[in-house]
Amino acid sequence: MDRAFAQAAPVKARIGVIPVLGASQVFVADREGWLKAAGLDVSFTTFESGPNMIQALASGTIDVYVAGVAPLIVARSRGIDVRVVTATAVEEMTFVATAKLARHFESGVTPAEAFRRYRASAGAPARLATQPAGSVPNTTLQHWLWQVGKVDKADVTVVPMGIDATQQAVLVGAVEGATVREPAVTIVQTRDPGIKLVALGGEMFPGQPGTVVAATAAFLDKNPAQAQGLVDAVVRATRLIQQDPARAGPHIEAALGKGITDVATIRKALASPASKFIADPRSIVDATAAMQRYQVTLGSLDRELPLDGLFDARYFVKAAASQ
């Protein structure tokens, strides 16, 4: 442990997180002891989506946000000074279809035709679960449906719900399709082999910006050394996940398992084509701007907002240079 951190009282860091594989780095860093070594006394609160976490940021009940980048643009437009200090994953979202819908996604059949065929056979539009408007999953799904797939809006119904509810809805057949991230992709396909992975994140929204670690300006300005330690730990955890998933797996399972999965499933999820771990926040700036432009098109944002100040890469640059 760094001597300066050892001598100082630990800094409390209240971390809000959504329970997806893209948040793995903070769990690994915590359970490896790296956050404690950085002088941080962390507590975690789980949220169902990024937009739900914005209220916690606004009320000052969390200091660190680990979720999709898109809601942070809205947060800043409301006067919440929050800054992305590192990324954790890209192109996380996938689209899965239950057996009733999946059979229409044959080789060579476009999404528009598959959904048209489903509606014709079922007599009703396909119900698709995703997270609330303004979230990365919702934006990504709509981009894939309307821009990439050119799907007729009469052929689908988008149903917003939380992450856990989405997974359950897919498994019990309450919906015909959904946007899910790992480890949910692996979990639902293991439990029901009839569920088909129809589209990966890069197909749905190229370069799709995913989970990030952000912190309030108040926390960063008051605790610069600990903020740097947090980013150092996330960068280190990214490398560990990429190079030694067997070591990282149990840490992630302890955080995400909740008795519904095991380490073997987590390891399989880590090797999934839907799992792309990164750390450099600069690599998602252009894709974030593109996502924001599309949110304006959808009406979940009134206008494009400047991204100036949203990304603070200096912590990452220093971390990358020192490791």
C-alpha atoms as a PDB file:
ATOM      1  CA  MET A   1       0.000   0.000   0.000  1.00  0.00           C
ATOM      2  CA  ASP A   2       1.193   3.509  -0.795  1.00  0.00           C
ATOM      3  CA  ARG A   3       2.599   5.094   2.376  1.00  0.00           C
ATOM      4  CA  ALA A   4       0.617   8.321   1.896  1.00  0.00           C
ATOM      5  CA  PHE A   5      -2.631   6.384   1.604  1.00  0.00           C
ATOM      6  CA  ALA A   6      -1.716   4.220   4.583  1.00  0.00           C
ATOM      7  CA  GLN A   7      -1.195   7.273   6.808  1.00  0.00           C
ATOM      8  CA  ALA A   8      -4.354   9.107   5.747  1.00  0.00           C
ATOM      9  CA  ALA A   9      -7.875   8.171   6.748  1.00  0.00           C
ATOM     10  CA  PRO A  10      -9.674   6.301   3.946  1.00  0.00           C
ATOM     11  CA  VAL A  11     -11.936   8.374   1.739  1.00  0.00           C
ATOM     12  CA  LYS A  12     -15.517   7.128   1.529  1.00  0.00           C
ATOM     13  CA  ALA A  13     -16.621   6.498  -2.039  1.00  0.00           C
ATOM     14  CA  ARG A  14     -20.286   5.664  -2.617  1.00  0.00           C
ATOM     15  CA  ILE A  15     -20.424   3.800  -5.924  1.00  0.00           C
ATOM     16  CA  GLY A  16     -23.609   3.343  -7.923  1.00  0.00           C
ATOM     17  CA  VAL A  17     -23.450   0.443 -10.377  1.00  0.00           C
ATOM     18  CA  ILE A  18     -25.649  -1.562 -12.711  1.00  0.00           C
ATOM     19  CA  PRO A  19     -25.134  -5.344 -12.415  1.00  0.00           C
ATOM     20  CA  VAL A  20     -23.656  -6.133 -15.827  1.00  0.00           C
ATOM     21  CA  LEU A  21     -20.378  -7.595 -16.997  1.00  0.00           C
ATOM     22  CA  GLY A  22     -19.262  -4.198 -18.302  1.00  0.00           C
ATOM     23  CA  ALA A  23     -18.939  -3.037 -14.691  1.00  0.00           C
ATOM     24  CA  SER A  24     -16.563  -5.893 -13.842  1.00  0.00           C
ATOM     25  CA  GLN A  25     -13.477  -3.774 -13.343  1.00  0.00           C
ATOM     26  CA  VAL A  26     -14.762  -2.059 -10.201  1.00  0.00           C
ATOM     27  CA  PHE A  27     -15.694  -5.420  -8.674  1.00  0.00           C
ATOM     28  CA  VAL A  28     -12.317  -6.928  -9.526  1.00  0.00           C
ATOM     29  CA  ALA A  29     -10.471  -3.870  -8.222  1.00  0.00           C
ATOM     30  CA  ASP A  30     -12.459  -4.001  -4.993  1.00  0.00           C
ATOM     31  CA  ARG A  31     -11.988  -7.703  -4.333  1.00  0.00           C
ATOM     32  CA  GLU A  32      -8.290  -7.614  -5.243  1.00  0.00           C
ATOM     33  CA  GLY A  33      -7.891  -4.970  -2.543  1.00  0.00           C
ATOM     34  CA  TRP A  34      -6.700  -2.317  -4.965  1.00  0.00           C
ATOM     35  CA  LEU A  35      -9.388   0.235  -4.063  1.00  0.00           C
ATOM     36  CA  LYS A  36      -8.576  -0.086  -0.375  1.00  0.00           C
ATOM     37  CA  ALA A  37      -4.893   0.284  -1.199  1.00  0.00           C
ATOM     38  CA  ALA A  38      -5.768   3.467  -3.085  1.00  0.00           C
ATOM     39  CA  GLY A  39      -7.153   4.944   0.116  1.00  0.00           C
ATOM     40  CA  LEU A  40     -10.808   4.313  -0.684  1.00  0.00           C
ATOM     41  CA  ASP A  41     -13.502   2.957   1.598  1.00  0.00           C
ATOM     42  CA  VAL A  42     -16.120   1.910  -0.948  1.00  0.00           C
ATOM     43  CA  SER A  43     -19.781   0.974  -0.697  1.00  0.00           C
ATOM     44  CA  PHE A  44     -21.901  -0.219  -3.608  1.00  0.00           C
ATOM     45  CA  THR A  45     -25.521   0.499  -4.474  1.00  0.00           C
ATOM     46  CA  THR A  46     -27.110  -1.415  -7.356  1.00  0.00           C
ATOM     47  CA  PHE A  47     -29.401   0.327  -9.847  1.00  0.00           C
ATOM     48  CA  GLU A  48     -31.604  -1.017 -12.640  1.00  0.00           C
ATOM     49  CA  SER A  49     -30.455   1.487 -15.264  1.00  0.00           C
ATOM     50  CA  GLY A  50     -28.291   4.536 -15.816  1.00  0.00           C
ATOM     51  CA  PRO A  51     -31.220   7.005 -15.895  1.00  0.00           C
ATOM     52  CA  ASN A  52     -32.340   5.714 -12.484  1.00  0.00           C
ATOM     53  CA  MET A  53     -28.882   6.519 -11.141  1.00  0.00           C
ATOM     54  CA  ILE A  54     -28.999  10.152 -12.257  1.00  0.00           C
ATOM     55  CA  GLN A  55     -31.395  11.030  -9.426  1.00  0.00           C
ATOM     56  CA  ALA A  56     -28.886   9.596  -6.969  1.00  0.00           C
ATOM     57  CA  LEU A  57     -26.188  11.786  -8.490  1.00  0.00           C
ATOM     58  CA  ALA A  58     -28.488  14.812  -8.314  1.00  0.00           C
ATOM     59  CA  SER A  59     -29.322  14.210  -4.656  1.00  0.00           C
ATOM     60  CA  GLY A  60     -25.689  13.615  -3.725  1.00  0.00           C
ATOM     61  CA  THR A  61     -26.212  10.037  -2.514  1.00  0.00           C
ATOM     62  CA  ILE A  62     -23.511   8.559  -4.767  1.00  0.00           C
ATOM     63  CA  ASP A  63     -20.063   9.846  -5.688  1.00  0.00           C
ATOM     64  CA  VAL A  64     -19.131   7.438  -8.451  1.00  0.00           C
ATOM     65  CA  TYR A  65     -21.342   6.256 -11.332  1.00  0.00           C
ATOM     66  CA  VAL A  66     -20.657   2.971 -13.151  1.00  0.00           C
ATOM     67  CA  ALA A  67     -23.173   2.608 -15.992  1.00  0.00           C
ATOM     68  CA  GLY A  68     -23.843   3.715 -19.560  1.00  0.00           C
ATOM     69  CA  VAL A  69     -22.458   7.034 -20.743  1.00  0.00           C
ATOM     70  CA  ALA A  70     -25.627   8.379 -22.412  1.00  0.00           C
ATOM     71  CA  PRO A  71     -27.541   9.388 -19.236  1.00  0.00           C
ATOM     72  CA  LEU A  72     -24.566  11.472 -18.111  1.00  0.00           C
ATOM     73  CA  ILE A  73     -25.136  13.872 -20.996  1.00  0.00           C
ATOM     74  CA  VAL A  74     -28.630  14.522 -19.675  1.00  0.00           C
ATOM     75  CA  ALA A  75     -27.278  14.842 -16.139  1.00  0.00           C
ATOM     76  CA  ARG A  76     -24.822  17.543 -17.178  1.00  0.00           C
ATOM     77  CA  SER A  77     -27.586  19.393 -19.024  1.00  0.00           C
ATOM     78  CA  ARG A  78     -29.401  19.551 -15.675  1.00  0.00           C
ATOM     79  CA  GLY A  79     -26.431  21.134 -13.964  1.00  0.00           C
ATOM     80  CA  ILE A  80     -24.922  17.987 -12.429  1.00  0.00           C
ATOM     81  CA  ASP A  81     -21.154  18.289 -12.804  1.00  0.00           C
ATOM     82  CA  VAL A  82     -20.132  14.677 -13.386  1.00  0.00           C
ATOM     83  CA  ARG A  83     -17.104  13.585 -15.395  1.00  0.00           C
ATOM     84  CA  VAL A  84     -16.140  10.347 -17.134  1.00  0.00           C
ATOM     85  CA  VAL A  85     -12.699   9.319 -15.899  1.00  0.00           C
ATOM     86  CA  THR A  86     -12.404   5.936 -17.605  1.00  0.00           C
ATOM     87  CA  ALA A  87     -14.363   3.641 -19.880  1.00  0.00           C
ATOM     88  CA  THR A  88     -14.852  -0.040 -19.103  1.00  0.00           C
ATOM     89  CA  ALA A  89     -16.583  -1.645 -22.099  1.00  0.00           C
ATOM     90  CA  VAL A  90     -17.927  -0.983 -25.593  1.00  0.00           C
ATOM     91  CA  GLU A  91     -20.530  -2.608 -27.841  1.00  0.00           C
ATOM     92  CA  GLU A  92     -22.030  -4.438 -24.850  1.00  0.00           C
ATOM     93  CA  MET A  93     -25.633  -4.522 -26.000  1.00  0.00           C
ATOM     94  CA  THR A  94     -27.003  -7.474 -27.910  1.00  0.00           C
ATOM     95  CA  PHE A  95     -30.448  -8.377 -29.155  1.00  0.00           C
ATOM     96  CA  VAL A  96     -31.796 -11.805 -28.288  1.00  0.00           C
ATOM     97  CA  ALA A  97     -34.998 -13.403 -29.557  1.00  0.00           C
ATOM     98  CA  THR A  98     -37.111 -16.083 -27.927  1.00  0.00           C
ATOM     99  CA  ALA A  99     -37.897 -19.207 -29.949  1.00  0.00           C
ATOM    100  CA  LYS A 100     -41.204 -17.810 -31.288  1.00  0.00           C
ATOM    101  CA  LEU A 101     -39.426 -14.830 -32.837  1.00  0.00           C
ATOM    102  CA  ALA A 102     -36.045 -16.442 -33.481  1.00  0.00           C
ATOM    103  CA  ARG A 103     -37.408 -18.856 -36.085  1.00  0.00           C
ATOM    104  CA  HIS A 104     -38.141 -15.886 -38.343  1.00  0.00           C
ATOM    105  CA  PHE A 105     -34.508 -14.728 -38.240  1.00  0.00           C
ATOM    106  CA  GLU A 106     -33.300 -17.192 -40.833  1.00  0.00           C
ATOM    107  CA  SER A 107     -30.049 -16.765 -42.742  1.00  0.00           C
ATOM    108  CA  GLY A 108     -30.390 -13.987 -45.290  1.00  0.00           C
ATOM    109  CA  VAL A 109     -33.611 -12.619 -43.783  1.00  0.00           C
ATOM    110  CA  THR A 110     -33.456  -8.941 -42.850  1.00  0.00           C
ATOM    111  CA  PRO A 111     -34.672  -7.748 -39.430  1.00  0.00           C
ATOM    112  CA  ALA A 112     -37.510  -5.884 -41.136  1.00  0.00           C
ATOM    113  CA  GLU A 113     -38.695  -9.055 -42.865  1.00  0.00           C
ATOM    114  CA  ALA A 114     -38.267 -11.181 -39.723  1.00  0.00           C
ATOM    115  CA  PHE A 115     -40.437  -8.838 -37.652  1.00  0.00           C
ATOM    116  CA  ARG A 116     -42.969  -8.578 -40.485  1.00  0.00           C
ATOM    117  CA  ARG A 117     -43.216 -12.368 -40.632  1.00  0.00           C
ATOM    118  CA  TYR A 118     -43.635 -12.603 -36.871  1.00  0.00           C
ATOM    119  CA  ARG A 119     -46.495 -10.119 -36.837  1.00  0.00           C
ATOM    120  CA  ALA A 120     -48.161 -11.898 -39.736  1.00  0.00           C
ATOM    121  CA  SER A 121     -47.991 -15.266 -37.986  1.00  0.00           C
ATOM    122  CA  ALA A 122     -48.760 -14.087 -34.434  1.00  0.00           C
ATOM    123  CA  GLY A 123     -51.344 -11.470 -35.308  1.00  0.00           C
ATOM    124  CA  ALA A 124     -49.626  -8.943 -33.036  1.00  0.00           C
ATOM    125  CA  PRO A 125     -46.358  -6.983 -33.000  1.00  0.00           C
ATOM    126  CA  ALA A 126     -43.312  -8.473 -31.292  1.00  0.00           C
ATOM    127  CA  ARG A 127     -42.814  -7.180 -27.744  1.00  0.00           C
ATOM    128  CA  LEU A 128     -39.222  -6.092 -27.145  1.00  0.00           C
ATOM    129  CA  ALA A 129     -37.894  -5.364 -23.664  1.00  0.00           C
ATOM    130  CA  THR A 130     -35.222  -2.775 -23.008  1.00  0.00           C
ATOM    131  CA  GLN A 131     -34.296  -0.161 -20.411  1.00  0.00           C
ATOM    132  CA  PRO A 132     -35.930   3.301 -20.084  1.00  0.00           C
ATOM    133  CA  ALA A 133     -35.770   6.040 -22.731  1.00  0.00           C
ATOM    134  CA  GLY A 134     -32.447   7.857 -22.654  1.00  0.00           C
ATOM    135  CA  SER A 135     -30.488   4.761 -21.660  1.00  0.00           C
ATOM    136  CA  VAL A 136     -27.805   3.167 -23.835  1.00  0.00           C
ATOM    137  CA  PRO A 137     -29.848  -0.064 -24.276  1.00  0.00           C
ATOM    138  CA  ASN A 138     -32.974   1.805 -25.369  1.00  0.00           C
ATOM    139  CA  THR A 139     -31.077   4.086 -27.756  1.00  0.00           C
ATOM    140  CA  THR A 140     -29.119   1.164 -29.197  1.00  0.00           C
ATOM    141  CA  LEU A 141     -32.247  -0.928 -29.755  1.00  0.00           C
ATOM    142  CA  GLN A 142     -34.088   1.874 -31.515  1.00  0.00           C
ATOM    143  CA  HIS A 143     -31.063   2.653 -33.694  1.00  0.00           C
ATOM    144  CA  TRP A 144     -30.892  -0.997 -34.748  1.00  0.00           C
ATOM    145  CA  LEU A 145     -34.625  -1.232 -35.411  1.00  0.00           C
ATOM    146  CA  TRP A 146     -35.183   2.004 -37.330  1.00  0.00           C
ATOM    147  CA  GLN A 147     -31.801   2.944 -38.804  1.00  0.00           C
ATOM    148  CA  VAL A 148     -30.045  -0.371 -39.399  1.00  0.00           C
ATOM    149  CA  GLY A 149     -32.933  -2.803 -39.813  1.00  0.00           C
ATOM    150  CA  LYS A 150     -35.490  -0.385 -41.325  1.00  0.00           C
ATOM    151  CA  VAL A 151     -38.163  -2.174 -39.294  1.00  0.00           C
ATOM    152  CA  ASP A 152     -41.793  -1.100 -39.674  1.00  0.00           C
ATOM    153  CA  LYS A 153     -42.862   0.478 -36.369  1.00  0.00           C
ATOM    154  CA  ALA A 154     -46.172  -1.353 -36.616  1.00  0.00           C
ATOM    155  CA  ASP A 155     -44.325  -4.678 -36.303  1.00  0.00           C
ATOM    156  CA  VAL A 156     -42.800  -4.136 -32.848  1.00  0.00           C
ATOM    157  CA  THR A 157     -43.683  -2.744 -29.432  1.00  0.00           C
ATOM    158  CA  VAL A 158     -40.820  -1.469 -27.272  1.00  0.00           C
ATOM    159  CA  VAL A 159     -41.412  -2.195 -23.577  1.00  0.00           C
ATOM    160  CA  PRO A 160     -39.166  -0.348 -21.068  1.00  0.00           C
ATOM    161  CA  MET A 161     -38.275  -2.244 -17.898  1.00  0.00           C
ATOM    162  CA  GLY A 162     -35.358  -2.839 -15.539  1.00  0.00           C
ATOM    163  CA  ILE A 163     -32.432  -5.150 -16.225  1.00  0.00           C
ATOM    164  CA  ASP A 164     -33.533  -8.017 -13.963  1.00  0.00           C
ATOM    165  CA  ALA A 165     -37.110  -7.777 -15.221  1.00  0.00           C
ATOM    166  CA  THR A 166     -35.875  -7.890 -18.817  1.00  0.00           C
ATOM    167  CA  GLN A 167     -33.951 -11.095 -18.207  1.00  0.00           C
ATOM    168  CA  GLN A 168     -36.941 -12.698 -16.519  1.00  0.00           C
ATOM    169  CA  ALA A 169     -39.339 -11.536 -19.232  1.00  0.00           C
ATOM    170  CA  VAL A 170     -37.200 -13.230 -21.883  1.00  0.00           C
ATOM    171  CA  LEU A 171     -36.957 -16.470 -19.922  1.00  0.00           C
ATOM    172  CA  VAL A 172     -40.697 -16.769 -19.231  1.00  0.00           C
ATOM    173  CA  GLY A 173     -41.740 -15.646 -22.717  1.00  0.00           C
ATOM    174  CA  ALA A 174     -43.432 -12.457 -21.565  1.00  0.00           C
ATOM    175  CA  VAL A 175     -41.647 -10.714 -24.454  1.00  0.00           C
ATOM    176  CA  GLU A 176     -40.386 -11.982 -27.790  1.00  0.00           C
ATOM    177  CA  GLY A 177     -37.032 -10.200 -27.752  1.00  0.00           C
ATOM    178  CA  ALA A 178     -34.826  -7.952 -25.663  1.00  0.00           C
ATOM    179  CA  THR A 179     -31.616  -6.033 -25.375  1.00  0.00           C
ATOM    180  CA  VAL A 180     -29.372  -7.809 -22.890  1.00  0.00           C
ATOM    181  CA  ARG A 181     -25.733  -7.617 -21.892  1.00  0.00           C
ATOM    182  CA  GLU A 182     -23.425 -10.245 -20.519  1.00  0.00           C
ATOM    183  CA  PRO A 183     -23.701 -12.219 -18.327  1.00  0.00           C
ATOM    184  CA  ALA A 184     -27.451 -12.224 -19.093  1.00  0.00           C
ATOM    185  CA  VAL A 185     -26.791 -13.336 -22.691  1.00  0.00           C
ATOM    186  CA  THR A 186     -24.993 -16.467 -21.509  1.00  0.00           C
ATOM    187  CA  ILE A 187     -27.465 -17.093 -18.672  1.00  0.00           C
ATOM    188  CA  VAL A 188     -30.629 -16.965 -20.800  1.00  0.00           C
ATOM    189  CA  GLN A 189     -29.141 -19.050 -23.611  1.00  0.00           C
ATOM    190  CA  THR A 190     -27.922 -21.658 -21.128  1.00  0.00           C
ATOM    191  CA  ARG A 191     -31.348 -21.915 -19.534  1.00  0.00           C
ATOM    192  CA  ASP A 192     -33.229 -21.885 -22.837  1.00  0.00           C
ATOM    193  CA  PRO A 193     -31.216 -22.968 -25.907  1.00  0.00           C
ATOM    194  CA  GLY A 194     -34.128 -21.796 -28.056  1.00  0.00           C
ATOM    195  CA  ILE A 195     -33.169 -18.178 -27.340  1.00  0.00           C
ATOM    196  CA  LYS A 196     -31.093 -16.853 -30.232  1.00  0.00           C
ATOM    197  CA  LEU A 197     -28.457 -14.127 -30.242  1.00  0.00           C
ATOM    198  CA  VAL A 198     -29.638 -12.091 -33.230  1.00  0.00           C
ATOM    199  CA  ALA A 199     -27.413  -8.997 -33.226  1.00  0.00           C
ATOM    200  CA  LEU A 200     -24.190  -7.894 -31.521  1.00  0.00           C
ATOM    201  CA  GLY A 201     -23.521  -4.369 -30.312  1.00  0.00           C
ATOM    202  CA  GLY A 202     -21.370  -3.384 -33.271  1.00  0.00           C
ATOM    203  CA  GLU A 203     -24.212  -4.266 -35.622  1.00  0.00           C
ATOM    204  CA  MET A 204     -26.778  -2.373 -33.572  1.00  0.00           C
ATOM    205  CA  PHE A 205     -24.782   0.830 -33.104  1.00  0.00           C
ATOM    206  CA  PRO A 206     -21.208   0.791 -34.492  1.00  0.00           C
ATOM    207  CA  GLY A 207     -18.687   1.668 -31.786  1.00  0.00           C
ATOM    208  CA  GLN A 208     -21.542   1.716 -29.279  1.00  0.00           C
ATOM    209  CA  PRO A 209     -20.242   3.488 -26.156  1.00  0.00           C
ATOM    210  CA  GLY A 210     -21.011   1.351 -23.148  1.00  0.00           C
ATOM    211  CA  THR A 211     -20.268   1.353 -19.456  1.00  0.00           C
ATOM    212  CA  VAL A 212     -18.031   4.050 -17.989  1.00  0.00           C
ATOM    213  CA  VAL A 213     -16.748   5.110 -14.606  1.00  0.00           C
ATOM    214  CA  ALA A 214     -17.669   8.699 -13.820  1.00  0.00           C
ATOM    215  CA  ALA A 215     -17.409  10.764 -10.664  1.00  0.00           C
ATOM    216  CA  THR A 216     -18.851  14.010  -9.422  1.00  0.00           C
ATOM    217  CA  ALA A 217     -16.655  17.059  -9.756  1.00  0.00           C
ATOM    218  CA  ALA A 218     -16.940  17.552  -5.988  1.00  0.00           C
ATOM    219  CA  PHE A 219     -15.470  14.101  -5.334  1.00  0.00           C
ATOM    220  CA  LEU A 220     -12.698  14.502  -7.903  1.00  0.00           C
ATOM    221  CA  ASP A 221     -11.689  17.978  -6.774  1.00  0.00           C
ATOM    222  CA  LYS A 222     -11.708  17.073  -3.081  1.00  0.00           C
ATOM    223  CA  ASN A 223      -9.872  13.735  -3.464  1.00  0.00           C
ATOM    224  CA  PRO A 224      -7.472  13.938  -6.421  1.00  0.00           C
ATOM    225  CA  ALA A 225      -5.075  11.264  -5.171  1.00  0.00           C
ATOM    226  CA  GLN A 226      -7.859   8.789  -4.427  1.00  0.00           C
ATOM    227  CA  ALA A 227      -9.525   9.573  -7.767  1.00  0.00           C
ATOM    228  CA  GLN A 228      -6.270   8.725  -9.482  1.00  0.00           C
ATOM    229  CA  GLY A 229      -6.067   5.560  -7.413  1.00  0.00           C
ATOM    230  CA  LEU A 230      -9.563   4.581  -8.554  1.00  0.00           C
ATOM    231  CA  VAL A 231      -8.647   4.956 -12.219  1.00  0.00           C
ATOM    232  CA  ASP A 232      -5.316   3.188 -11.686  1.00  0.00           C
ATOM    233  CA  ALA A 233      -7.227   0.255 -10.202  1.00  0.00           C
ATOM    234  CA  VAL A 234      -9.765   0.142 -13.049  1.00  0.00           C
ATOM    235  CA  VAL A 235      -6.997   0.171 -15.677  1.00  0.00           C
ATOM    236  CA  ARG A 236      -5.189  -2.578 -13.801  1.00  0.00           C
ATOM    237  CA  ALA A 237      -8.408  -4.599 -13.519  1.00  0.00           C
ATOM    238  CA  THR A 238      -9.060  -4.216 -17.254  1.00  0.00           C
ATOM    239  CA  ARG A 239      -5.711  -5.784 -17.986  1.00  0.00           C
ATOM    240  CA  LEU A 240      -6.314  -8.591 -15.478  1.00  0.00           C
ATOM    241  CA  ILE A 241      -9.683  -9.461 -17.052  1.00  0.00           C
ATOM    242  CA  GLN A 242      -8.121  -9.525 -20.506  1.00  0.00           C
ATOM    243  CA  GLN A 243      -5.027 -11.527 -19.519  1.00  0.00           C
ATOM    244  CA  ASP A 244      -6.184 -13.736 -16.651  1.00  0.00           C
ATOM    245  CA  PRO A 245      -9.967 -14.219 -16.749  1.00  0.00           C
ATOM    246  CA  ALA A 246      -9.650 -17.308 -14.536  1.00  0.00           C
ATOM    247  CA  ARG A 247      -8.428 -15.100 -11.696  1.00  0.00           C
ATOM    248  CA  ALA A 248     -10.958 -12.355 -12.375  1.00  0.00           C
ATOM    249  CA  GLY A 249     -13.936 -14.697 -12.758  1.00  0.00           C
ATOM    250  CA  PRO A 250     -14.583 -15.483  -9.072  1.00  0.00           C
ATOM    251  CA  HIS A 251     -14.490 -11.773  -8.168  1.00  0.00           C
ATOM    252  CA  ILE A 252     -17.086 -11.002 -10.837  1.00  0.00           C
ATOM    253  CA  GLU A 253     -19.272 -13.956  -9.884  1.00  0.00           C
ATOM    254  CA  ALA A 254     -19.241 -12.832  -6.244  1.00  0.00           C
ATOM    255  CA  ALA A 255     -20.605  -9.444  -7.319  1.00  0.00           C
ATOM    256  CA  LEU A 256     -23.023 -10.490 -10.062  1.00  0.00           C
ATOM    257  CA  GLY A 257     -23.934 -14.080  -9.249  1.00  0.00           C
ATOM    258  CA  LYS A 258     -26.560 -13.504  -6.553  1.00  0.00           C
ATOM    259  CA  GLY A 259     -27.084 -17.242  -6.479  1.00  0.00           C
ATOM    260  CA  ILE A 260     -28.358 -17.361 -10.076  1.00  0.00           C
ATOM    261  CA  THR A 261     -25.120 -18.182 -11.844  1.00  0.00           C
ATOM    262  CA  ASP A 262     -21.669 -19.640 -11.218  1.00  0.00           C
ATOM    263  CA  VAL A 263     -18.028 -18.996 -12.043  1.00  0.00           C
ATOM    264  CA  ALA A 264     -18.145 -21.238 -15.122  1.00  0.00           C
ATOM    265  CA  THR A 265     -20.961 -19.125 -16.568  1.00  0.00           C
ATOM    266  CA  ILE A 266     -19.054 -15.926 -15.825  1.00  0.00           C
ATOM    267  CA  ARG A 267     -15.939 -17.285 -17.538  1.00  0.00           C
ATOM    268  CA  LYS A 268     -18.027 -18.193 -20.575  1.00  0.00           C
ATOM    269  CA  ALA A 269     -19.515 -14.696 -20.566  1.00  0.00           C
ATOM    270  CA  LEU A 270     -16.053 -13.132 -20.391  1.00  0.00           C
ATOM    271  CA  ALA A 271     -15.135 -15.023 -23.578  1.00  0.00           C
ATOM    272  CA  SER A 272     -18.354 -13.959 -25.329  1.00  0.00           C
ATOM    273  CA  PRO A 273     -18.190 -11.839 -28.507  1.00  0.00           C
ATOM    274  CA  ALA A 274     -20.413  -9.399 -26.600  1.00  0.00           C
ATOM    275  CA  SER A 275     -17.639  -8.722 -24.057  1.00  0.00           C
ATOM    276  CA  LYS A 276     -15.215  -5.989 -25.126  1.00  0.00           C
ATOM    277  CA  PHE A 277     -13.328  -4.467 -22.207  1.00  0.00           C
ATOM    278  CA  ILE A 278     -11.462  -1.191 -22.639  1.00  0.00           C
ATOM    279  CA  ALA A 279     -10.291   1.626 -20.379  1.00  0.00           C
ATOM    280  CA  ASP A 280      -9.360   4.674 -22.493  1.00  0.00           C
ATOM    281  CA  PRO A 281     -12.242   7.189 -22.258  1.00  0.00           C
ATOM    282  CA  ARG A 282     -10.942   9.047 -25.313  1.00  0.00           C
ATOM    283  CA  SER A 283     -11.815   6.063 -27.511  1.00  0.00           C
ATOM    284  CA  ILE A 284     -15.572   6.562 -27.028  1.00  0.00           C
ATOM    285  CA  VAL A 285     -15.876  10.336 -27.451  1.00  0.00           C
ATOM    286  CA  ASP A 286     -16.884  10.251 -31.139  1.00  0.00           C
ATOM    287  CA  ALA A 287     -19.348   7.391 -30.626  1.00  0.00           C
ATOM    288  CA  THR A 288     -20.850   9.209 -27.638  1.00  0.00           C
ATOM    289  CA  ALA A 289     -21.405  12.286 -29.812  1.00  0.00           C
ATOM    290  CA  ALA A 290     -23.066  10.078 -32.438  1.00  0.00           C
ATOM    291  CA  MET A 291     -25.311   8.489 -29.819  1.00  0.00           C
ATOM    292  CA  GLN A 292     -26.291  11.922 -28.545  1.00  0.00           C
ATOM    293  CA  ARG A 293     -27.244  13.035 -32.047  1.00  0.00           C
ATOM    294  CA  TYR A 294     -29.490  10.011 -32.340  1.00  0.00           C
ATOM    295  CA  GLN A 295     -31.072  10.675 -28.942  1.00  0.00           C
ATOM    296  CA  VAL A 296     -32.081  14.105 -30.252  1.00  0.00           C
ATOM    297  CA  THR A 297     -33.656  12.371 -33.255  1.00  0.00           C
ATOM    298  CA  LEU A 298     -35.587  10.096 -30.889  1.00  0.00           C
ATOM    299  CA  GLY A 299     -36.675  12.988 -28.695  1.00  0.00           C
ATOM    300  CA  SER A 300     -35.040  11.682 -25.519  1.00  0.00           C
ATOM    301  CA  LEU A 301     -32.850  14.808 -25.695  1.00  0.00           C
ATOM    302  CA  ASP A 302     -34.191  18.220 -26.675  1.00  0.00           C
ATOM    303  CA  ARG A 303     -30.998  19.283 -28.413  1.00  0.00           C
ATOM    304  CA  GLU A 304     -27.371  18.333 -28.829  1.00  0.00           C
ATOM    305  CA  LEU A 305     -25.362  19.353 -25.798  1.00  0.00           C
ATOM    306  CA  PRO A 306     -21.655  20.120 -25.738  1.00  0.00           C
ATOM    307  CA  LEU A 307     -19.522  17.225 -24.560  1.00  0.00           C
ATOM    308  CA  ASP A 308     -16.877  19.663 -23.315  1.00  0.00           C
ATOM    309  CA  GLY A 309     -16.046  18.743 -19.756  1.00  0.00           C
ATOM    310  CA  LEU A 310     -17.836  15.370 -19.812  1.00  0.00           C
ATOM    311  CA  PHE A 311     -14.644  13.416 -20.437  1.00  0.00           C
ATOM    312  CA  ASP A 312     -11.666  13.939 -18.148  1.00  0.00           C
ATOM    313  CA  ALA A 313      -8.921  11.715 -19.554  1.00  0.00           C
ATOM    314  CA  ARG A 314      -6.001  13.007 -17.467  1.00  0.00           C
ATOM    315  CA  TYR A 315      -6.431  10.277 -14.842  1.00  0.00           C
ATOM    316  CA  PHE A 316      -6.385   7.565 -17.494  1.00  0.00           C
ATOM    317  CA  VAL A 317      -3.363   9.071 -19.254  1.00  0.00           C
ATOM    318  CA  LYS A 318      -1.430   9.076 -15.983  1.00  0.00           C
ATOM    319  CA  ALA A 319      -2.572   5.545 -15.124  1.00  0.00           C
ATOM    320  CA  ALA A 320      -1.598   4.177 -18.535  1.00  0.00           C
ATOM    321  CA  ALA A 321       1.827   5.791 -18.329  1.00  0.00           C
ATOM    322  CA  SER A 322       2.538   4.313 -14.888  1.00  0.00           C
ATOM    323  CA  GLN A 323       1.493   0.696 -15.572  1.00  0.00           C
END
